[in-house]
C-alpha atoms as a PDB file:
ATOM      1  CA  MET A   1      11.917  -1.689  -9.444  1.00  0.00           C
ATOM      2  CA  THR A   2      10.819   1.922  -9.507  1.00  0.00           C
ATOM      3  CA  PHE A   3       7.137   1.125  -9.020  1.00  0.00           C
ATOM      4  CA  VAL A   4       7.987  -0.541  -5.687  1.00  0.00           C
ATOM      5  CA  ASP A   5       9.800   2.590  -4.522  1.00  0.00           C
ATOM      6  CA  ASP A   6       6.933   4.771  -5.732  1.00  0.00           C
ATOM      7  CA  ALA A   7       4.310   2.719  -3.875  1.00  0.00           C
ATOM      8  CA  ALA A   8       6.373   2.671  -0.687  1.00  0.00           C
ATOM      9  CA  ALA A   9       6.802   6.451  -0.883  1.00  0.00           C
ATOM     10  CA  LEU A  10       3.051   6.985  -1.266  1.00  0.00           C
ATOM     11  CA  LEU A  11       2.287   4.803   1.745  1.00  0.00           C
ATOM     12  CA  ARG A  12       5.023   6.499   3.768  1.00  0.00           C
ATOM     13  CA  GLY A  13       3.400   9.840   3.006  1.00  0.00           C
ATOM     14  CA  ALA A  14       0.012   8.545   4.139  1.00  0.00           C
ATOM     15  CA  TYR A  15       1.510   7.462   7.468  1.00  0.00           C
ATOM     16  CA  GLU A  16       3.201  10.828   7.942  1.00  0.00           C
ATOM     17  CA  THR A  17       0.258  13.041   6.975  1.00  0.00           C
ATOM     18  CA  GLY A  18      -2.702  10.914   8.046  1.00  0.00           C
ATOM     19  CA  THR A  19      -4.176  11.361   4.574  1.00  0.00           C
ATOM     20  CA  PRO A  20      -5.038   8.201   2.618  1.00  0.00           C
ATOM     21  CA  VAL A  21      -3.884   7.705  -0.950  1.00  0.00           C
ATOM     22  CA  PRO A  22      -5.755   6.346  -3.985  1.00  0.00           C
ATOM     23  CA  PRO A  23      -5.561   2.593  -4.683  1.00  0.00           C
ATOM     24  CA  LEU A  24      -2.118   1.433  -5.746  1.00  0.00           C
ATOM     25  CA  ARG A  25      -3.314  -1.232  -8.171  1.00  0.00           C
ATOM     26  CA  GLU A  26      -2.897  -0.460 -11.846  1.00  0.00           C
ATOM     27  CA  ALA A  27      -1.894   3.179 -11.252  1.00  0.00           C
ATOM     28  CA  VAL A  28       1.291   2.308  -9.311  1.00  0.00           C
ATOM     29  CA  LEU A  29       1.564  -1.471  -8.923  1.00  0.00           C
ATOM     30  CA  PRO A  30       0.827  -4.099 -11.562  1.00  0.00           C
ATOM     31  CA  LEU A  31      -2.718  -5.392 -11.176  1.00  0.00           C
ATOM     32  CA  GLY A  32      -2.734  -8.699  -9.321  1.00  0.00           C
ATOM     33  CA  ASP A  33       1.046  -8.779  -8.799  1.00  0.00           C
ATOM     34  CA  VAL A  34       1.130 -10.001  -5.198  1.00  0.00           C
ATOM     35  CA  ASP A  35       4.902 -10.517  -5.267  1.00  0.00           C
ATOM     36  CA  ALA A  36       5.392  -6.837  -6.131  1.00  0.00           C
ATOM     37  CA  ALA A  37       3.032  -5.890  -3.293  1.00  0.00           C
ATOM     38  CA  TYR A  38       5.063  -7.922  -0.812  1.00  0.00           C
ATOM     39  CA  ALA A  39       8.207  -6.218  -2.119  1.00  0.00           C
ATOM     40  CA  VAL A  40       6.607  -2.893  -1.163  1.00  0.00           C
ATOM     41  CA  GLN A  41       5.738  -4.247   2.271  1.00  0.00           C
ATOM     42  CA  GLN A  42       9.289  -5.540   2.762  1.00  0.00           C
ATOM     43  CA  ALA A  43      10.768  -2.187   1.737  1.00  0.00           C
ATOM     44  CA  GLN A  44       8.708  -0.454   4.409  1.00  0.00           C
ATOM     45  CA  VAL A  45       9.565  -3.064   7.027  1.00  0.00           C
ATOM     46  CA  ALA A  46      13.276  -2.592   6.310  1.00  0.00           C
ATOM     47  CA  ASP A  47      12.899   1.173   6.774  1.00  0.00           C
ATOM     48  CA  TRP A  48      10.960   0.712  10.026  1.00  0.00           C
ATOM     49  CA  LEU A  49      13.536  -1.691  11.440  1.00  0.00           C
ATOM     50  CA  ALA A  50      16.332   0.700  10.493  1.00  0.00           C
ATOM     51  CA  ALA A  51      14.455   3.449  12.325  1.00  0.00           C
ATOM     52  CA  GLY A  52      14.466   1.368  15.515  1.00  0.00           C
ATOM     53  CA  ARG A  53      11.075  -0.320  15.537  1.00  0.00           C
ATOM     54  CA  ARG A  54      11.073  -3.822  17.058  1.00  0.00           C
ATOM     55  CA  ARG A  55       9.379  -6.698  15.264  1.00  0.00           C
ATOM     56  CA  VAL A  56       7.283  -8.852  17.636  1.00  0.00           C
ATOM     57  CA  GLY A  57       5.381 -11.127  15.286  1.00  0.00           C
ATOM     58  CA  ALA A  58       3.013 -11.275  12.376  1.00  0.00           C
ATOM     59  CA  LYS A  59      -0.648 -10.943  11.504  1.00  0.00           C
ATOM     60  CA  ILE A  60      -2.758 -12.933   9.116  1.00  0.00           C
ATOM     61  CA  GLY A  61      -5.443 -11.109   7.178  1.00  0.00           C
ATOM     62  CA  LEU A  62      -8.330 -12.012   4.901  1.00  0.00           C
ATOM     63  CA  THR A  63      -9.062 -15.343   6.609  1.00  0.00           C
ATOM     64  CA  SER A  64     -12.785 -14.813   7.160  1.00  0.00           C
ATOM     65  CA  PRO A  65     -15.215 -15.386   4.276  1.00  0.00           C
ATOM     66  CA  ALA A  66     -17.171 -12.327   5.432  1.00  0.00           C
ATOM     67  CA  VAL A  67     -14.095 -10.113   5.174  1.00  0.00           C
ATOM     68  CA  GLN A  68     -13.000 -11.670   1.887  1.00  0.00           C
ATOM     69  CA  GLN A  69     -16.401 -11.098   0.321  1.00  0.00           C
ATOM     70  CA  ALA A  70     -16.481  -7.500   1.532  1.00  0.00           C
ATOM     71  CA  PHE A  71     -13.339  -6.700  -0.480  1.00  0.00           C
ATOM     72  CA  GLY A  72     -13.558  -9.221  -3.293  1.00  0.00           C
ATOM     73  CA  VAL A  73     -10.317 -10.847  -2.122  1.00  0.00           C
ATOM     74  CA  PHE A  74     -10.175 -14.608  -1.802  1.00  0.00           C
ATOM     75  CA  GLN A  75      -6.800 -15.512  -0.364  1.00  0.00           C
ATOM     76  CA  PRO A  76      -5.148 -14.796   2.993  1.00  0.00           C
ATOM     77  CA  ASP A  77      -2.261 -12.409   3.389  1.00  0.00           C
ATOM     78  CA  PHE A  78       0.159 -11.397   6.123  1.00  0.00           C
ATOM     79  CA  GLY A  79       1.859  -8.374   7.637  1.00  0.00           C
ATOM     80  CA  VAL A  80       4.414  -7.598  10.330  1.00  0.00           C
ATOM     81  CA  LEU A  81       3.656  -6.642  13.943  1.00  0.00           C
ATOM     82  CA  PHE A  82       5.833  -4.175  15.831  1.00  0.00           C
ATOM     83  CA  ALA A  83       6.066  -3.521  19.568  1.00  0.00           C
ATOM     84  CA  ASP A  84       4.748   0.032  19.212  1.00  0.00           C
ATOM     85  CA  MET A  85       1.511  -1.337  17.736  1.00  0.00           C
ATOM     86  CA  ALA A  86       0.567  -3.089  21.003  1.00  0.00           C
ATOM     87  CA  VAL A  87      -2.156  -1.487  23.141  1.00  0.00           C
ATOM     88  CA  PRO A  88      -2.869  -2.621  26.749  1.00  0.00           C
ATOM     89  CA  ASP A  89      -6.144  -4.376  27.446  1.00  0.00           C
ATOM     90  CA  GLY A  90      -8.808  -1.780  28.301  1.00  0.00           C
ATOM     91  CA  ALA A  91      -6.703   1.197  27.241  1.00  0.00           C
ATOM     92  CA  GLU A  92      -7.962   4.205  25.300  1.00  0.00           C
ATOM     93  CA  VAL A  93      -6.735   4.708  21.743  1.00  0.00           C
ATOM     94  CA  ASP A  94      -6.519   8.192  20.264  1.00  0.00           C
ATOM     95  CA  LEU A  95      -8.376   8.176  16.967  1.00  0.00           C
ATOM     96  CA  GLY A  96      -6.230  11.107  15.883  1.00  0.00           C
ATOM     97  CA  GLY A  97      -3.360   8.695  15.277  1.00  0.00           C
ATOM     98  CA  LEU A  98      -5.369   6.538  12.880  1.00  0.00           C
ATOM     99  CA  ILE A  99      -6.871   7.154   9.447  1.00  0.00           C
ATOM    100  CA  GLN A 100      -9.960   4.953   8.982  1.00  0.00           C
ATOM    101  CA  PRO A 101      -9.841   2.302  11.708  1.00  0.00           C
ATOM    102  CA  ARG A 102     -11.979  -0.781  12.093  1.00  0.00           C
ATOM    103  CA  VAL A 103     -11.918  -3.512  14.733  1.00  0.00           C
ATOM    104  CA  GLU A 104     -12.115  -7.275  14.526  1.00  0.00           C
ATOM    105  CA  ALA A 105     -11.827 -10.051  17.100  1.00  0.00           C
ATOM    106  CA  GLU A 106      -9.381 -12.903  16.787  1.00  0.00           C
ATOM    107  CA  VAL A 107      -7.176 -15.393  18.603  1.00  0.00           C
ATOM    108  CA  ALA A 108      -3.527 -14.531  19.211  1.00  0.00           C
ATOM    109  CA  PHE A 109      -0.949 -17.326  19.346  1.00  0.00           C
ATOM    110  CA  VAL A 110       2.237 -16.760  21.353  1.00  0.00           C
ATOM    111  CA  LEU A 111       4.946 -19.164  20.236  1.00  0.00           C
ATOM    112  CA  GLY A 112       7.259 -20.999  22.586  1.00  0.00           C
ATOM    113  CA  ALA A 113       9.318 -22.608  19.828  1.00  0.00           C
ATOM    114  CA  ASP A 114      10.524 -21.823  16.321  1.00  0.00           C
ATOM    115  CA  LEU A 115       8.537 -22.946  13.267  1.00  0.00           C
ATOM    116  CA  PRO A 116      11.234 -23.226  10.580  1.00  0.00           C
ATOM    117  CA  PHE A 117       9.645 -25.975   8.490  1.00  0.00           C
ATOM    118  CA  GLU A 118       8.649 -25.505   4.853  1.00  0.00           C
ATOM    119  CA  ARG A 119       5.911 -28.090   5.415  1.00  0.00           C
ATOM    120  CA  VAL A 120       4.040 -27.230   8.624  1.00  0.00           C
ATOM    121  CA  THR A 121       1.454 -29.506  10.196  1.00  0.00           C
ATOM    122  CA  VAL A 122      -1.258 -28.755  12.730  1.00  0.00           C
ATOM    123  CA  ALA A 123       0.761 -30.822  15.202  1.00  0.00           C
ATOM    124  CA  ASP A 124       3.761 -28.563  14.625  1.00  0.00           C
ATOM    125  CA  VAL A 125       1.664 -25.505  15.475  1.00  0.00           C
ATOM    126  CA  VAL A 126       0.188 -27.129  18.582  1.00  0.00           C
ATOM    127  CA  ARG A 127       3.642 -28.137  19.845  1.00  0.00           C
ATOM    128  CA  ALA A 128       5.147 -24.701  19.124  1.00  0.00           C
ATOM    129  CA  THR A 129       2.362 -22.668  20.777  1.00  0.00           C
ATOM    130  CA  ASP A 130       3.103 -21.635  24.350  1.00  0.00           C
ATOM    131  CA  HIS A 131      -0.327 -20.065  24.921  1.00  0.00           C
ATOM    132  CA  ILE A 132      -3.193 -18.248  23.240  1.00  0.00           C
ATOM    133  CA  LEU A 133      -4.920 -14.966  24.081  1.00  0.00           C
ATOM    134  CA  PRO A 134      -8.066 -13.154  22.971  1.00  0.00           C
ATOM    135  CA  ALA A 135      -7.233 -10.196  20.749  1.00  0.00           C
ATOM    136  CA  VAL A 136      -8.783  -7.178  19.107  1.00  0.00           C
ATOM    137  CA  GLU A 137      -7.000  -6.054  16.005  1.00  0.00           C
ATOM    138  CA  ILE A 138      -7.451  -2.397  15.083  1.00  0.00           C
ATOM    139  CA  VAL A 139      -7.024  -2.568  11.337  1.00  0.00           C
ATOM    140  CA  ASP A 140      -6.420   0.580   9.357  1.00  0.00           C
ATOM    141  CA  SER A 141      -5.895   1.389   5.711  1.00  0.00           C
ATOM    142  CA  ARG A 142      -3.768   4.004   4.042  1.00  0.00           C
ATOM    143  CA  ILE A 143      -5.886   3.430   0.908  1.00  0.00           C
ATOM    144  CA  ALA A 144      -8.758   5.913   0.534  1.00  0.00           C
ATOM    145  CA  GLY A 145     -12.195   4.547   1.347  1.00  0.00           C
ATOM    146  CA  TRP A 146     -10.852   1.047   2.019  1.00  0.00           C
ATOM    147  CA  ASP A 147     -10.954   0.563  -1.754  1.00  0.00           C
ATOM    148  CA  ILE A 148      -8.518  -2.331  -1.643  1.00  0.00           C
ATOM    149  CA  SER A 149      -7.538  -5.338  -3.689  1.00  0.00           C
ATOM    150  CA  ILE A 150      -5.068  -7.995  -2.569  1.00  0.00           C
ATOM    151  CA  VAL A 151      -2.257  -5.856  -4.024  1.00  0.00           C
ATOM    152  CA  ASP A 152      -3.303  -2.755  -2.079  1.00  0.00           C
ATOM    153  CA  THR A 153      -3.654  -4.433   1.309  1.00  0.00           C
ATOM    154  CA  VAL A 154      -0.484  -6.521   1.035  1.00  0.00           C
ATOM    155  CA  ALA A 155       1.598  -3.466   0.121  1.00  0.00           C
ATOM    156  CA  ASP A 156       0.001  -1.643   3.072  1.00  0.00           C
ATOM    157  CA  ASN A 157       1.383  -4.193   5.567  1.00  0.00           C
ATOM    158  CA  ALA A 158      -1.891  -6.144   5.395  1.00  0.00           C
ATOM    159  CA  SER A 159      -3.845  -3.046   6.504  1.00  0.00           C
ATOM    160  CA  SER A 160      -2.209  -3.135   9.926  1.00  0.00           C
ATOM    161  CA  GLY A 161      -2.918  -0.603  12.622  1.00  0.00           C
ATOM    162  CA  LEU A 162      -2.722  -1.613  16.281  1.00  0.00           C
ATOM    163  CA  PHE A 163      -3.543  -4.681  18.354  1.00  0.00           C
ATOM    164  CA  VAL A 164      -4.840  -5.385  21.848  1.00  0.00           C
ATOM    165  CA  LEU A 165      -4.112  -8.626  23.698  1.00  0.00           C
ATOM    166  CA  GLY A 166      -5.983 -10.018  26.693  1.00  0.00           C
ATOM    167  CA  ASN A 167      -4.108 -10.596  29.947  1.00  0.00           C
ATOM    168  CA  GLN A 168      -5.138 -14.156  30.823  1.00  0.00           C
ATOM    169  CA  PRO A 169      -3.300 -16.771  28.744  1.00  0.00           C
ATOM    170  CA  CYS A 170      -4.769 -20.209  28.175  1.00  0.00           C
ATOM    171  CA  ARG A 171      -3.433 -23.410  26.702  1.00  0.00           C
ATOM    172  CA  LEU A 172      -4.287 -24.278  23.130  1.00  0.00           C
ATOM    173  CA  SER A 173      -4.923 -27.880  24.168  1.00  0.00           C
ATOM    174  CA  ASP A 174      -7.756 -26.742  26.449  1.00  0.00           C
ATOM    175  CA  VAL A 175      -9.855 -25.207  23.652  1.00  0.00           C
ATOM    176  CA  ASP A 176     -11.404 -26.497  20.440  1.00  0.00           C
ATOM    177  CA  LEU A 177     -10.922 -23.302  18.480  1.00  0.00           C
ATOM    178  CA  ARG A 178     -12.952 -24.521  15.513  1.00  0.00           C
ATOM    179  CA  VAL A 179     -16.183 -24.314  17.526  1.00  0.00           C
ATOM    180  CA  ALA A 180     -15.179 -21.409  19.794  1.00  0.00           C
ATOM    181  CA  GLY A 181     -17.843 -18.725  19.491  1.00  0.00           C
ATOM    182  CA  MET A 182     -16.983 -15.024  19.283  1.00  0.00           C
ATOM    183  CA  VAL A 183     -19.020 -11.939  19.993  1.00  0.00           C
ATOM    184  CA  LEU A 184     -17.741  -8.369  19.639  1.00  0.00           C
ATOM    185  CA  GLU A 185     -19.872  -5.891  21.572  1.00  0.00           C
ATOM    186  CA  HIS A 186     -20.306  -2.135  21.555  1.00  0.00           C
ATOM    187  CA  ALA A 187     -22.370  -0.561  24.359  1.00  0.00           C
ATOM    188  CA  GLY A 188     -23.497  -4.032  25.385  1.00  0.00           C
ATOM    189  CA  GLU A 189     -24.870  -4.877  21.944  1.00  0.00           C
ATOM    190  CA  PRO A 190     -23.331  -7.427  19.556  1.00  0.00           C
ATOM    191  CA  VAL A 191     -21.852  -5.774  16.465  1.00  0.00           C
ATOM    192  CA  SER A 192     -19.976  -8.804  15.104  1.00  0.00           C
ATOM    193  CA  VAL A 193     -20.362 -12.510  15.770  1.00  0.00           C
ATOM    194  CA  GLY A 194     -18.519 -15.531  14.489  1.00  0.00           C
ATOM    195  CA  ALA A 195     -16.564 -18.631  15.412  1.00  0.00           C
ATOM    196  CA  GLY A 196     -13.175 -20.207  14.935  1.00  0.00           C
ATOM    197  CA  ALA A 197     -14.373 -22.093  11.875  1.00  0.00           C
ATOM    198  CA  ALA A 198     -14.625 -18.737  10.037  1.00  0.00           C
ATOM    199  CA  CYS A 199     -10.823 -18.419  10.148  1.00  0.00           C
ATOM    200  CA  LEU A 200      -9.657 -20.792   7.401  1.00  0.00           C
ATOM    201  CA  GLY A 201     -11.687 -23.527   9.101  1.00  0.00           C
ATOM    202  CA  ASN A 202      -9.693 -23.200  12.334  1.00  0.00           C
ATOM    203  CA  PRO A 203      -7.227 -20.546  13.554  1.00  0.00           C
ATOM    204  CA  VAL A 204      -4.627 -23.304  13.913  1.00  0.00           C
ATOM    205  CA  HIS A 205      -4.845 -23.852  10.156  1.00  0.00           C
ATOM    206  CA  ALA A 206      -4.221 -20.144   9.586  1.00  0.00           C
ATOM    207  CA  VAL A 207      -1.074 -20.196  11.725  1.00  0.00           C
ATOM    208  CA  ALA A 208       0.160 -23.299   9.913  1.00  0.00           C
ATOM    209  CA  TRP A 209      -0.364 -21.503   6.579  1.00  0.00           C
ATOM    210  CA  LEU A 210       1.559 -18.461   7.782  1.00  0.00           C
ATOM    211  CA  ALA A 211       4.404 -20.490   9.295  1.00  0.00           C
ATOM    212  CA  GLN A 212       4.865 -22.436   6.089  1.00  0.00           C
ATOM    213  CA  THR A 213       4.630 -19.326   3.897  1.00  0.00           C
ATOM    214  CA  LEU A 214       7.224 -17.434   5.943  1.00  0.00           C
ATOM    215  CA  ALA A 215       9.576 -20.417   6.152  1.00  0.00           C
ATOM    216  CA  VAL A 216       9.517 -20.786   2.364  1.00  0.00           C
ATOM    217  CA  ALA A 217      10.245 -17.038   2.106  1.00  0.00           C
ATOM    218  CA  GLY A 218      13.261 -17.415   4.396  1.00  0.00           C
ATOM    219  CA  SER A 219      11.897 -15.513   7.410  1.00  0.00           C
ATOM    220  CA  PRO A 220      10.313 -18.179   9.638  1.00  0.00           C
ATOM    221  CA  LEU A 221       8.320 -17.599  12.790  1.00  0.00           C
ATOM    222  CA  SER A 222      10.385 -17.749  15.993  1.00  0.00           C
ATOM    223  CA  ALA A 223       9.854 -18.475  19.670  1.00  0.00           C
ATOM    224  CA  GLY A 224       8.293 -15.450  21.339  1.00  0.00           C
ATOM    225  CA  ASP A 225       6.474 -14.270  18.220  1.00  0.00           C
ATOM    226  CA  VAL A 226       2.876 -13.108  18.539  1.00  0.00           C
ATOM    227  CA  VAL A 227       0.664 -14.259  15.686  1.00  0.00           C
ATOM    228  CA  LEU A 228      -2.734 -12.679  15.118  1.00  0.00           C
ATOM    229  CA  SER A 229      -4.472 -15.576  13.413  1.00  0.00           C
ATOM    230  CA  GLY A 230      -7.258 -13.712  11.612  1.00  0.00           C
ATOM    231  CA  ALA A 231     -10.763 -12.395  12.100  1.00  0.00           C
ATOM    232  CA  LEU A 232     -13.492 -14.672  13.453  1.00  0.00           C
ATOM    233  CA  GLY A 233     -16.223 -12.439  12.049  1.00  0.00           C
ATOM    234  CA  PRO A 234     -16.896  -9.218  10.145  1.00  0.00           C
ATOM    235  CA  MET A 235     -14.814  -6.142  10.904  1.00  0.00           C
ATOM    236  CA  VAL A 236     -16.598  -3.151  12.403  1.00  0.00           C
ATOM    237  CA  SER A 237     -16.016   0.561  11.804  1.00  0.00           C
ATOM    238  CA  VAL A 238     -14.923   2.406  14.936  1.00  0.00           C
ATOM    239  CA  THR A 239     -17.180   4.988  16.578  1.00  0.00           C
ATOM    240  CA  ALA A 240     -15.482   7.896  18.363  1.00  0.00           C
ATOM    241  CA  GLY A 241     -15.870   7.708  22.129  1.00  0.00           C
ATOM    242  CA  ALA A 242     -16.914   4.059  22.034  1.00  0.00           C
ATOM    243  CA  ALA A 243     -15.651   0.928  23.768  1.00  0.00           C
ATOM    244  CA  TYR A 244     -15.524  -2.514  22.179  1.00  0.00           C
ATOM    245  CA  GLU A 245     -15.224  -5.823  23.999  1.00  0.00           C
ATOM    246  CA  ALA A 246     -14.528  -9.166  22.373  1.00  0.00           C
ATOM    247  CA  ARG A 247     -15.427 -12.451  24.048  1.00  0.00           C
ATOM    248  CA  ILE A 248     -14.211 -15.763  22.664  1.00  0.00           C
ATOM    249  CA  SER A 249     -15.560 -18.879  24.343  1.00  0.00           C
ATOM    250  CA  GLY A 250     -12.861 -20.838  26.127  1.00  0.00           C
ATOM    251  CA  VAL A 251     -10.277 -18.158  25.410  1.00  0.00           C
ATOM    252  CA  GLY A 252     -11.420 -15.053  27.302  1.00  0.00           C
ATOM    253  CA  SER A 253     -12.218 -11.406  26.716  1.00  0.00           C
ATOM    254  CA  VAL A 254     -10.383  -8.222  25.727  1.00  0.00           C
ATOM    255  CA  ARG A 255     -11.505  -4.606  25.595  1.00  0.00           C
ATOM    256  CA  VAL A 256     -10.436  -1.347  23.933  1.00  0.00           C
ATOM    257  CA  CYS A 257     -11.794   2.224  24.034  1.00  0.00           C
ATOM    258  CA  PHE A 258     -11.450   5.097  21.591  1.00  0.00           C
ATOM    259  CA  SER A 259     -11.164   8.806  22.202  1.00  0.00           C
ATOM    260  CA  GLY A 260     -12.981  11.364  20.106  1.00  0.00           C
ATOM    261  CA  GLY A 261      -9.986  11.885  17.809  1.00  0.00           C
ATOM    262  CA  SER A 262      -9.015  15.183  16.217  1.00  0.00           C
END
């Protein structure tokens, strides 16, 4: 599958140089071929694991109608999280290490049990979840101008960048995530608002979708995995020198700052 190798090489070059590449669809990957895009993602993941990166979980993307509409993509996708993508709550991120970052607020699930089932229920997710945390995902794209289709973002590890988790865990049973409100603030002003219902109707539904999808693919979620369940509202472009704080009712808050970059 030469086109898979070609797409992976282009994305690898974007990571190494910090220069985005043109869209992969049509020019490199077959238009609409999501399976081929996941093959590209898997090729990169295999290389990263061989290079010593440690997998710590997964992220779900394209769960919010606002985000889907922005890119003309109408199905969720997933990518892999690695330990070196984690940023401490309140830490400063160097923009020089990113290409075209944006931030979005979401709920992170930390699993206490495996989810190996090819049919996953909400009850399965509730039982398997040890705790939840507020999260800011710093999404990034190796595709120039964020000109992405489902094929482009899937191949690009679901437009993954970094992620920030809050420090105060809470129990899933203590929160009705469907009605949990979210506000993402910059300089004290709201820049994105939403609620749990914007994430496939409920973030629990998103995790169930991911668990089932990965189990069918033969790589199920495991105890200890972190799952970023998807945006609760629109993503926001990052401003150099700015700080962003996400508050999710019943879940908590999390904050990240950005340097001026290079």
